[in-house]
Amino acid sequence: MRVTLKLYATLTDYLPLAARAANAVELDVPEGVTVTGAIAPYNLPHALTRLVLVNGFFVPPEERESHALRDGDVLAIWPPIAGG
């Protein structure tokens, strides 16, 4: 099954070089893969995966190991953002 992984801000550095301009990569993942399972190959630091959305809906940290992705899902992740 295919899902789209989008990484924003400093997290784009974890994408393959060719995918960084678009900040997204298409993934072939097994049926039933979870959010945590889909991003595991990218070795994202846990502290930097602050905001996680699937199809625009927030997935809280305690649900990321159990939230199964579906074919066509878009998984988007942002690091903590500071501003003022």
C-alpha atoms as a PDB file:
ATOM      1  CA  MET A   1       0.000   0.000   0.000  1.00  0.00           C
ATOM      2  CA  ARG A   2       1.166   3.553  -0.610  1.00  0.00           C
ATOM      3  CA  VAL A   3       1.168   6.500   1.758  1.00  0.00           C
ATOM      4  CA  THR A   4       2.708   9.937   1.483  1.00  0.00           C
ATOM      5  CA  LEU A   5       5.123  11.099   4.170  1.00  0.00           C
ATOM      6  CA  LYS A   6       5.557  14.858   4.475  1.00  0.00           C
ATOM      7  CA  LEU A   7       8.199  16.294   6.775  1.00  0.00           C
ATOM      8  CA  TYR A   8       8.367  19.999   7.514  1.00  0.00           C
ATOM      9  CA  ALA A   9      10.934  22.554   8.690  1.00  0.00           C
ATOM     10  CA  THR A  10      14.153  20.950   9.960  1.00  0.00           C
ATOM     11  CA  LEU A  11      12.693  17.451   9.565  1.00  0.00           C
ATOM     12  CA  THR A  12      13.085  17.666   5.781  1.00  0.00           C
ATOM     13  CA  ASP A  13      16.770  16.885   6.364  1.00  0.00           C
ATOM     14  CA  TYR A  14      15.685  13.305   7.164  1.00  0.00           C
ATOM     15  CA  LEU A  15      14.145  12.791   3.718  1.00  0.00           C
ATOM     16  CA  PRO A  16      16.105  11.428   0.761  1.00  0.00           C
ATOM     17  CA  LEU A  17      17.876  14.272  -1.027  1.00  0.00           C
ATOM     18  CA  ALA A  18      15.622  14.054  -4.100  1.00  0.00           C
ATOM     19  CA  ALA A  19      12.484  14.425  -1.948  1.00  0.00           C
ATOM     20  CA  ARG A  20      13.567  17.460   0.072  1.00  0.00           C
ATOM     21  CA  ALA A  21      12.442  20.130  -2.395  1.00  0.00           C
ATOM     22  CA  ALA A  22       8.871  18.824  -2.216  1.00  0.00           C
ATOM     23  CA  ASN A  23       9.238  17.892   1.481  1.00  0.00           C
ATOM     24  CA  ALA A  24       7.436  14.630   0.688  1.00  0.00           C
ATOM     25  CA  VAL A  25       8.120  11.053  -0.272  1.00  0.00           C
ATOM     26  CA  GLU A  26       5.809   8.253  -1.407  1.00  0.00           C
ATOM     27  CA  LEU A  27       6.178   5.128   0.720  1.00  0.00           C
ATOM     28  CA  ASP A  28       5.341   1.527  -0.053  1.00  0.00           C
ATOM     29  CA  VAL A  29       4.385   0.087   3.319  1.00  0.00           C
ATOM     30  CA  PRO A  30       2.749  -3.147   4.450  1.00  0.00           C
ATOM     31  CA  GLU A  31      -0.966  -3.269   5.250  1.00  0.00           C
ATOM     32  CA  GLY A  32      -1.638  -2.292   8.836  1.00  0.00           C
ATOM     33  CA  VAL A  33       1.571  -0.339   9.342  1.00  0.00           C
ATOM     34  CA  THR A  34       1.283   2.190  12.148  1.00  0.00           C
ATOM     35  CA  VAL A  35       2.440   5.795  12.208  1.00  0.00           C
ATOM     36  CA  THR A  36       5.457   4.722  14.263  1.00  0.00           C
ATOM     37  CA  GLY A  37       6.241   1.866  11.882  1.00  0.00           C
ATOM     38  CA  ALA A  38       6.027   4.066   8.791  1.00  0.00           C
ATOM     39  CA  ILE A  39       8.503   6.633  10.091  1.00  0.00           C
ATOM     40  CA  ALA A  40      10.908   4.204  11.794  1.00  0.00           C
ATOM     41  CA  PRO A  41      13.233   3.900   8.745  1.00  0.00           C
ATOM     42  CA  TYR A  42      13.790   7.667   8.833  1.00  0.00           C
ATOM     43  CA  ASN A  43      15.194   7.668  12.392  1.00  0.00           C
ATOM     44  CA  LEU A  44      13.365  10.830  13.357  1.00  0.00           C
ATOM     45  CA  PRO A  45      14.249  11.961  16.885  1.00  0.00           C
ATOM     46  CA  HIS A  46      11.191  11.424  19.057  1.00  0.00           C
ATOM     47  CA  ALA A  47      11.506  14.919  20.536  1.00  0.00           C
ATOM     48  CA  LEU A  48      11.231  16.407  17.043  1.00  0.00           C
ATOM     49  CA  THR A  49       8.003  14.657  16.058  1.00  0.00           C
ATOM     50  CA  ARG A  50       5.757  17.079  17.910  1.00  0.00           C
ATOM     51  CA  LEU A  51       2.816  17.554  15.557  1.00  0.00           C
ATOM     52  CA  VAL A  52       1.685  14.447  13.670  1.00  0.00           C
ATOM     53  CA  LEU A  53      -1.302  14.514  11.347  1.00  0.00           C
ATOM     54  CA  VAL A  54      -2.905  11.803   9.234  1.00  0.00           C
ATOM     55  CA  ASN A  55      -5.059  13.281   6.490  1.00  0.00           C
ATOM     56  CA  GLY A  56      -5.149  16.539   8.434  1.00  0.00           C
ATOM     57  CA  PHE A  57      -6.217  15.011  11.758  1.00  0.00           C
ATOM     58  CA  PHE A  58      -3.961  15.130  14.826  1.00  0.00           C
ATOM     59  CA  VAL A  59      -2.633  11.818  16.116  1.00  0.00           C
ATOM     60  CA  PRO A  60      -1.662  12.143  19.801  1.00  0.00           C
ATOM     61  CA  PRO A  61       1.665  10.629  20.912  1.00  0.00           C
ATOM     62  CA  GLU A  62      -0.034   7.823  22.833  1.00  0.00           C
ATOM     63  CA  GLU A  63      -1.863   6.646  19.674  1.00  0.00           C
ATOM     64  CA  ARG A  64       1.041   6.691  17.202  1.00  0.00           C
ATOM     65  CA  GLU A  65       2.078   3.094  17.891  1.00  0.00           C
ATOM     66  CA  SER A  66      -1.464   1.815  17.357  1.00  0.00           C
ATOM     67  CA  HIS A  67      -2.865   4.134  14.651  1.00  0.00           C
ATOM     68  CA  ALA A  68      -2.862   2.019  11.474  1.00  0.00           C
ATOM     69  CA  LEU A  69      -2.410   3.815   8.176  1.00  0.00           C
ATOM     70  CA  ARG A  70      -4.555   3.101   5.113  1.00  0.00           C
ATOM     71  CA  ASP A  71      -3.745   3.155   1.428  1.00  0.00           C
ATOM     72  CA  GLY A  72      -3.585   6.745   0.203  1.00  0.00           C
ATOM     73  CA  ASP A  73      -3.112   8.337   3.627  1.00  0.00           C
ATOM     74  CA  VAL A  74      -0.982  11.452   3.987  1.00  0.00           C
ATOM     75  CA  LEU A  75       1.214  11.461   7.083  1.00  0.00           C
ATOM     76  CA  ALA A  76       2.549  14.923   7.921  1.00  0.00           C
ATOM     77  CA  ILE A  77       4.992  15.710  10.729  1.00  0.00           C
ATOM     78  CA  TRP A  78       6.266  19.010  12.137  1.00  0.00           C
ATOM     79  CA  PRO A  79       8.945  19.625  14.759  1.00  0.00           C
ATOM     80  CA  PRO A  80       8.287  21.898  17.733  1.00  0.00           C
ATOM     81  CA  ILE A  81       7.926  25.456  16.519  1.00  0.00           C
ATOM     82  CA  ALA A  82       8.825  28.512  18.556  1.00  0.00           C
ATOM     83  CA  GLY A  83       7.707  31.986  17.803  1.00  0.00           C
ATOM     84  CA  GLY A  84       6.932  35.214  19.364  1.00  0.00           C
END
